[in-house]
Amino acid sequence: MGTPNRLEVTAEAALPTLFGNYQIESFRWGNDLQPNLALSIGLDLDVVPTVRIHSECITGDTFASVRCDCGHQLQQALRIIRDEKCGLLIYLRQEGRGIGIENKLRAYALQQDGLDTVEANLALGLPIDSRSYDGAAKYLHHLGIAHCNLLTNNPHKVTALIAQGIATTRIPLTNSTHRGCQDYLATKRTKMGHDC
């Protein structure tokens, strides 16, 4: 478990991937129960890095679910960061917009009965989105990054970084065209304010 108000890098290594040769670090901040991860390429404090803050989605990221666009965004971001040659992906361990994998699966079951992702969370008595980006901001400060180009369609991420003193320029990601996630994207757009 992390130490309140203290960021700790706990391990690091080289990580060759299908999307380029990254450096990977695990880090904890505050009361994190699990380590977060950061994959970086070519960081240079004289260059504004391209950054993706990505919340864990085991169903989309690992099992390639098309119920959401998370896996699509993760892969797209890794390719963009590789091509920019200066950036990082911060992988925050806050599954299911902060509700955890078991509750996420319960919400999936309700979605099978016709509820959208927001309605399903509310029906379970859960918040629509309880994610925090404080740990990501602390990690960027730890690296000495005061300005970034942020790969996101979520304006709340931009607001969160700016509130933590990081100048942020939003770079939109392209949307998945898979028909399986079109209702999900519509809900993010109409009920959560995402630009997708």
C-alpha atoms as a PDB file:
ATOM      1  CA  MET A   1       0.000   0.000   0.000  1.00  0.00           C
ATOM      2  CA  GLY A   2       1.231   3.504  -0.822  1.00  0.00           C
ATOM      3  CA  THR A   3       2.170   6.204   1.617  1.00  0.00           C
ATOM      4  CA  PRO A   4      -0.251   9.166   1.851  1.00  0.00           C
ATOM      5  CA  ASN A   5       0.983  12.154  -0.188  1.00  0.00           C
ATOM      6  CA  ARG A   6       4.116  10.291  -1.270  1.00  0.00           C
ATOM      7  CA  LEU A   7       4.713   8.741  -4.668  1.00  0.00           C
ATOM      8  CA  GLU A   8       6.908   5.645  -4.687  1.00  0.00           C
ATOM      9  CA  VAL A   9       8.349   4.007  -7.799  1.00  0.00           C
ATOM     10  CA  THR A  10       8.461   0.335  -6.861  1.00  0.00           C
ATOM     11  CA  ALA A  11       9.989  -1.409  -9.919  1.00  0.00           C
ATOM     12  CA  GLU A  12      11.179  -0.666 -13.450  1.00  0.00           C
ATOM     13  CA  ALA A  13      12.305  -2.560 -16.546  1.00  0.00           C
ATOM     14  CA  ALA A  14      12.488  -2.477 -20.333  1.00  0.00           C
ATOM     15  CA  LEU A  15       9.278  -3.637 -22.021  1.00  0.00           C
ATOM     16  CA  PRO A  16       9.419  -4.492 -25.728  1.00  0.00           C
ATOM     17  CA  THR A  17       5.849  -4.577 -27.106  1.00  0.00           C
ATOM     18  CA  LEU A  18       4.033  -4.914 -30.416  1.00  0.00           C
ATOM     19  CA  PHE A  19       3.683  -1.128 -30.217  1.00  0.00           C
ATOM     20  CA  GLY A  20       7.343  -0.258 -29.611  1.00  0.00           C
ATOM     21  CA  ASN A  21      10.091  -0.587 -27.050  1.00  0.00           C
ATOM     22  CA  TYR A  22       8.915   1.003 -23.829  1.00  0.00           C
ATOM     23  CA  GLN A  23      10.301   1.455 -20.341  1.00  0.00           C
ATOM     24  CA  ILE A  24       7.819   0.365 -17.686  1.00  0.00           C
ATOM     25  CA  GLU A  25       7.594   1.467 -14.050  1.00  0.00           C
ATOM     26  CA  SER A  26       5.217   0.511 -11.291  1.00  0.00           C
ATOM     27  CA  PHE A  27       4.325   3.208  -8.808  1.00  0.00           C
ATOM     28  CA  ARG A  28       2.086   3.784  -5.837  1.00  0.00           C
ATOM     29  CA  TRP A  29       0.625   6.983  -4.507  1.00  0.00           C
ATOM     30  CA  GLY A  30      -1.508   7.653  -1.495  1.00  0.00           C
ATOM     31  CA  ASN A  31      -3.549   4.671  -0.412  1.00  0.00           C
ATOM     32  CA  ASP A  32      -3.309   2.729  -3.675  1.00  0.00           C
ATOM     33  CA  LEU A  33      -4.136  -0.922  -3.071  1.00  0.00           C
ATOM     34  CA  GLN A  34      -2.473  -1.975  -6.322  1.00  0.00           C
ATOM     35  CA  PRO A  35       0.500  -0.482  -8.150  1.00  0.00           C
ATOM     36  CA  ASN A  36      -0.206   1.715 -11.133  1.00  0.00           C
ATOM     37  CA  LEU A  37       1.961   1.438 -14.244  1.00  0.00           C
ATOM     38  CA  ALA A  38       3.672   3.857 -16.590  1.00  0.00           C
ATOM     39  CA  LEU A  39       5.081   3.006 -20.019  1.00  0.00           C
ATOM     40  CA  SER A  40       7.390   5.610 -21.528  1.00  0.00           C
ATOM     41  CA  ILE A  41       9.420   6.269 -24.649  1.00  0.00           C
ATOM     42  CA  GLY A  42      12.050   8.984 -25.158  1.00  0.00           C
ATOM     43  CA  LEU A  43      11.063  11.361 -22.374  1.00  0.00           C
ATOM     44  CA  ASP A  44      12.866  14.684 -22.709  1.00  0.00           C
ATOM     45  CA  LEU A  45      12.035  17.639 -20.457  1.00  0.00           C
ATOM     46  CA  ASP A  46      12.693  20.001 -23.386  1.00  0.00           C
ATOM     47  CA  VAL A  47       9.866  18.384 -25.381  1.00  0.00           C
ATOM     48  CA  VAL A  48       6.165  18.420 -24.481  1.00  0.00           C
ATOM     49  CA  PRO A  49       5.301  14.709 -24.180  1.00  0.00           C
ATOM     50  CA  THR A  50       2.280  12.932 -25.570  1.00  0.00           C
ATOM     51  CA  VAL A  51       0.460  11.342 -22.626  1.00  0.00           C
ATOM     52  CA  ARG A  52      -2.384   8.882 -22.245  1.00  0.00           C
ATOM     53  CA  ILE A  53      -3.987   8.317 -18.843  1.00  0.00           C
ATOM     54  CA  HIS A  54      -5.767   5.008 -19.171  1.00  0.00           C
ATOM     55  CA  SER A  55      -7.939   3.396 -16.516  1.00  0.00           C
ATOM     56  CA  GLU A  56      -7.698  -0.363 -16.250  1.00  0.00           C
ATOM     57  CA  CYS A  57     -10.305  -2.322 -18.236  1.00  0.00           C
ATOM     58  CA  ILE A  58      -9.481  -6.000 -18.072  1.00  0.00           C
ATOM     59  CA  THR A  59     -12.401  -6.948 -20.321  1.00  0.00           C
ATOM     60  CA  GLY A  60     -11.417  -4.495 -23.065  1.00  0.00           C
ATOM     61  CA  ASP A  61      -7.644  -4.297 -22.621  1.00  0.00           C
ATOM     62  CA  THR A  62      -6.930  -7.985 -21.997  1.00  0.00           C
ATOM     63  CA  PHE A  63      -9.869  -9.920 -23.443  1.00  0.00           C
ATOM     64  CA  ALA A  64     -10.603  -7.582 -26.394  1.00  0.00           C
ATOM     65  CA  SER A  65     -14.242  -7.007 -25.438  1.00  0.00           C
ATOM     66  CA  VAL A  66     -16.125  -4.838 -27.893  1.00  0.00           C
ATOM     67  CA  ARG A  67     -18.699  -3.839 -25.288  1.00  0.00           C
ATOM     68  CA  CYS A  68     -16.463  -0.770 -24.746  1.00  0.00           C
ATOM     69  CA  ASP A  69     -13.755   1.053 -26.690  1.00  0.00           C
ATOM     70  CA  CYS A  70     -11.053   0.785 -23.998  1.00  0.00           C
ATOM     71  CA  GLY A  71      -8.844  -1.743 -25.759  1.00  0.00           C
ATOM     72  CA  HIS A  72      -9.104   0.246 -28.984  1.00  0.00           C
ATOM     73  CA  GLN A  73      -8.033   3.434 -27.187  1.00  0.00           C
ATOM     74  CA  LEU A  74      -5.168   1.702 -25.369  1.00  0.00           C
ATOM     75  CA  GLN A  75      -3.670   0.288 -28.563  1.00  0.00           C
ATOM     76  CA  GLN A  76      -4.194   3.533 -30.459  1.00  0.00           C
ATOM     77  CA  ALA A  77      -2.453   5.520 -27.721  1.00  0.00           C
ATOM     78  CA  LEU A  78       0.547   3.161 -27.619  1.00  0.00           C
ATOM     79  CA  ARG A  79       0.971   3.533 -31.391  1.00  0.00           C
ATOM     80  CA  ILE A  80       0.704   7.333 -31.252  1.00  0.00           C
ATOM     81  CA  ILE A  81       3.203   7.625 -28.382  1.00  0.00           C
ATOM     82  CA  ARG A  82       5.622   5.358 -30.246  1.00  0.00           C
ATOM     83  CA  ASP A  83       5.288   7.463 -33.402  1.00  0.00           C
ATOM     84  CA  GLU A  84       5.758  10.727 -31.466  1.00  0.00           C
ATOM     85  CA  LYS A  85       8.935   9.237 -29.903  1.00  0.00           C
ATOM     86  CA  CYS A  86       8.356  11.171 -26.669  1.00  0.00           C
ATOM     87  CA  GLY A  87       5.596  10.260 -24.287  1.00  0.00           C
ATOM     88  CA  LEU A  88       4.070   7.932 -21.795  1.00  0.00           C
ATOM     89  CA  LEU A  89       0.999   5.929 -20.974  1.00  0.00           C
ATOM     90  CA  ILE A  90      -0.099   5.953 -17.331  1.00  0.00           C
ATOM     91  CA  TYR A  91      -2.180   2.876 -16.521  1.00  0.00           C
ATOM     92  CA  LEU A  92      -4.322   3.475 -13.443  1.00  0.00           C
ATOM     93  CA  ARG A  93      -5.731   0.486 -11.589  1.00  0.00           C
ATOM     94  CA  GLN A  94      -9.322   1.714 -11.296  1.00  0.00           C
ATOM     95  CA  GLU A  95     -11.322  -0.950 -13.096  1.00  0.00           C
ATOM     96  CA  GLY A  96     -14.837  -0.195 -14.279  1.00  0.00           C
ATOM     97  CA  ARG A  97     -14.596   3.577 -13.756  1.00  0.00           C
ATOM     98  CA  GLY A  98     -13.654   2.806 -10.160  1.00  0.00           C
ATOM     99  CA  ILE A  99     -16.256   0.168  -9.202  1.00  0.00           C
ATOM    100  CA  GLY A 100     -14.047  -2.928  -9.590  1.00  0.00           C
ATOM    101  CA  ILE A 101     -14.335  -5.972 -11.814  1.00  0.00           C
ATOM    102  CA  GLU A 102     -17.075  -7.797  -9.879  1.00  0.00           C
ATOM    103  CA  ASN A 103     -19.427  -4.827  -9.872  1.00  0.00           C
ATOM    104  CA  LYS A 104     -18.550  -4.174 -13.494  1.00  0.00           C
ATOM    105  CA  LEU A 105     -19.696  -7.678 -14.396  1.00  0.00           C
ATOM    106  CA  ARG A 106     -22.913  -7.117 -12.412  1.00  0.00           C
ATOM    107  CA  ALA A 107     -23.442  -3.940 -14.424  1.00  0.00           C
ATOM    108  CA  TYR A 108     -22.809  -5.894 -17.633  1.00  0.00           C
ATOM    109  CA  ALA A 109     -25.598  -8.305 -16.660  1.00  0.00           C
ATOM    110  CA  LEU A 110     -28.001  -5.371 -16.267  1.00  0.00           C
ATOM    111  CA  GLN A 111     -26.875  -4.001 -19.623  1.00  0.00           C
ATOM    112  CA  GLN A 112     -27.860  -7.316 -21.201  1.00  0.00           C
ATOM    113  CA  ASP A 113     -31.380  -6.532 -19.934  1.00  0.00           C
ATOM    114  CA  GLY A 114     -31.410  -3.157 -21.708  1.00  0.00           C
ATOM    115  CA  LEU A 115     -29.857  -0.647 -19.306  1.00  0.00           C
ATOM    116  CA  ASP A 116     -26.988   1.519 -20.499  1.00  0.00           C
ATOM    117  CA  THR A 117     -23.708   1.720 -18.585  1.00  0.00           C
ATOM    118  CA  VAL A 118     -24.800   4.741 -16.527  1.00  0.00           C
ATOM    119  CA  GLU A 119     -28.235   3.292 -15.690  1.00  0.00           C
ATOM    120  CA  ALA A 120     -26.669  -0.046 -14.700  1.00  0.00           C
ATOM    121  CA  ASN A 121     -24.280   1.567 -12.217  1.00  0.00           C
ATOM    122  CA  LEU A 122     -27.086   3.606 -10.692  1.00  0.00           C
ATOM    123  CA  ALA A 123     -29.343   0.538 -10.446  1.00  0.00           C
ATOM    124  CA  LEU A 124     -26.600  -1.146  -8.408  1.00  0.00           C
ATOM    125  CA  GLY A 125     -26.321   1.898  -6.121  1.00  0.00           C
ATOM    126  CA  LEU A 126     -22.869   2.707  -7.505  1.00  0.00           C
ATOM    127  CA  PRO A 127     -21.368   5.977  -8.738  1.00  0.00           C
ATOM    128  CA  ILE A 128     -21.378   6.638 -12.473  1.00  0.00           C
ATOM    129  CA  ASP A 129     -17.656   7.434 -12.413  1.00  0.00           C
ATOM    130  CA  SER A 130     -15.525   7.456  -9.266  1.00  0.00           C
ATOM    131  CA  ARG A 131     -12.128   7.603 -10.946  1.00  0.00           C
ATOM    132  CA  SER A 132      -9.405   9.941  -9.707  1.00  0.00           C
ATOM    133  CA  TYR A 133      -6.521  11.259 -11.763  1.00  0.00           C
ATOM    134  CA  ASP A 134      -4.537  12.589  -8.799  1.00  0.00           C
ATOM    135  CA  GLY A 135      -2.059   9.707  -8.933  1.00  0.00           C
ATOM    136  CA  ALA A 136      -1.394  10.371 -12.625  1.00  0.00           C
ATOM    137  CA  ALA A 137      -0.820  14.059 -11.920  1.00  0.00           C
ATOM    138  CA  LYS A 138       1.548  13.217  -9.059  1.00  0.00           C
ATOM    139  CA  TYR A 139       3.485  10.871 -11.342  1.00  0.00           C
ATOM    140  CA  LEU A 140       3.800  13.579 -14.014  1.00  0.00           C
ATOM    141  CA  HIS A 141       5.083  16.001 -11.356  1.00  0.00           C
ATOM    142  CA  HIS A 142       7.509  13.302 -10.183  1.00  0.00           C
ATOM    143  CA  LEU A 143       8.937  13.206 -13.731  1.00  0.00           C
ATOM    144  CA  GLY A 144       9.153  16.999 -13.891  1.00  0.00           C
ATOM    145  CA  ILE A 145       6.441  17.272 -16.552  1.00  0.00           C
ATOM    146  CA  ALA A 146       4.547  20.561 -16.317  1.00  0.00           C
ATOM    147  CA  HIS A 147       2.854  20.462 -19.743  1.00  0.00           C
ATOM    148  CA  CYS A 148       1.536  17.576 -21.815  1.00  0.00           C
ATOM    149  CA  ASN A 149      -0.444  16.733 -24.917  1.00  0.00           C
ATOM    150  CA  LEU A 150      -3.147  14.465 -23.504  1.00  0.00           C
ATOM    151  CA  LEU A 151      -4.686  11.720 -25.648  1.00  0.00           C
ATOM    152  CA  THR A 152      -8.302  11.645 -24.498  1.00  0.00           C
ATOM    153  CA  ASN A 153     -11.926  12.168 -25.440  1.00  0.00           C
ATOM    154  CA  ASN A 154     -12.778  12.812 -21.781  1.00  0.00           C
ATOM    155  CA  PRO A 155     -12.723  16.524 -20.892  1.00  0.00           C
ATOM    156  CA  HIS A 156     -12.751  15.638 -17.165  1.00  0.00           C
ATOM    157  CA  LYS A 157      -9.187  14.316 -17.457  1.00  0.00           C
ATOM    158  CA  VAL A 158      -8.034  17.641 -18.860  1.00  0.00           C
ATOM    159  CA  THR A 159      -9.763  19.534 -16.047  1.00  0.00           C
ATOM    160  CA  ALA A 160      -8.234  17.207 -13.450  1.00  0.00           C
ATOM    161  CA  LEU A 161      -4.669  17.723 -14.700  1.00  0.00           C
ATOM    162  CA  ILE A 162      -5.069  21.482 -14.993  1.00  0.00           C
ATOM    163  CA  ALA A 163      -6.397  21.558 -11.411  1.00  0.00           C
ATOM    164  CA  GLN A 164      -3.147  19.835 -10.366  1.00  0.00           C
ATOM    165  CA  GLY A 165      -1.024  22.495 -12.087  1.00  0.00           C
ATOM    166  CA  ILE A 166      -0.227  20.673 -15.331  1.00  0.00           C
ATOM    167  CA  ALA A 167      -0.833  22.639 -18.519  1.00  0.00           C
ATOM    168  CA  THR A 168      -2.759  20.290 -20.789  1.00  0.00           C
ATOM    169  CA  THR A 169      -3.586  20.306 -24.475  1.00  0.00           C
ATOM    170  CA  ARG A 170      -6.208  17.733 -25.451  1.00  0.00           C
ATOM    171  CA  ILE A 171      -5.559  15.503 -28.456  1.00  0.00           C
ATOM    172  CA  PRO A 172      -8.676  13.479 -29.378  1.00  0.00           C
ATOM    173  CA  LEU A 173      -8.568   9.783 -30.145  1.00  0.00           C
ATOM    174  CA  THR A 174     -10.513   8.256 -33.022  1.00  0.00           C
ATOM    175  CA  ASN A 175     -13.541   6.219 -32.040  1.00  0.00           C
ATOM    176  CA  SER A 176     -13.906   2.517 -32.523  1.00  0.00           C
ATOM    177  CA  THR A 177     -16.144   1.714 -35.461  1.00  0.00           C
ATOM    178  CA  HIS A 178     -17.097  -1.721 -34.102  1.00  0.00           C
ATOM    179  CA  ARG A 179     -20.869  -1.937 -33.921  1.00  0.00           C
ATOM    180  CA  GLY A 180     -20.682  -3.664 -30.520  1.00  0.00           C
ATOM    181  CA  CYS A 181     -19.649  -0.497 -28.719  1.00  0.00           C
ATOM    182  CA  GLN A 182     -21.740   2.148 -30.507  1.00  0.00           C
ATOM    183  CA  ASP A 183     -24.404   2.293 -27.765  1.00  0.00           C
ATOM    184  CA  TYR A 184     -21.627   2.599 -25.167  1.00  0.00           C
ATOM    185  CA  LEU A 185     -20.046   5.483 -27.091  1.00  0.00           C
ATOM    186  CA  ALA A 186     -23.437   7.201 -27.413  1.00  0.00           C
ATOM    187  CA  THR A 187     -23.920   6.949 -23.626  1.00  0.00           C
ATOM    188  CA  LYS A 188     -20.451   8.387 -22.955  1.00  0.00           C
ATOM    189  CA  ARG A 189     -21.254  11.255 -25.307  1.00  0.00           C
ATOM    190  CA  THR A 190     -24.768  12.084 -24.106  1.00  0.00           C
ATOM    191  CA  LYS A 191     -24.577  11.261 -20.387  1.00  0.00           C
ATOM    192  CA  MET A 192     -20.897  11.668 -19.468  1.00  0.00           C
ATOM    193  CA  GLY A 193     -19.837  14.588 -21.658  1.00  0.00           C
ATOM    194  CA  HIS A 194     -17.149  12.738 -23.620  1.00  0.00           C
ATOM    195  CA  ASP A 195     -16.244  13.948 -27.091  1.00  0.00           C
ATOM    196  CA  CYS A 196     -16.833  10.689 -28.940  1.00  0.00           C
END
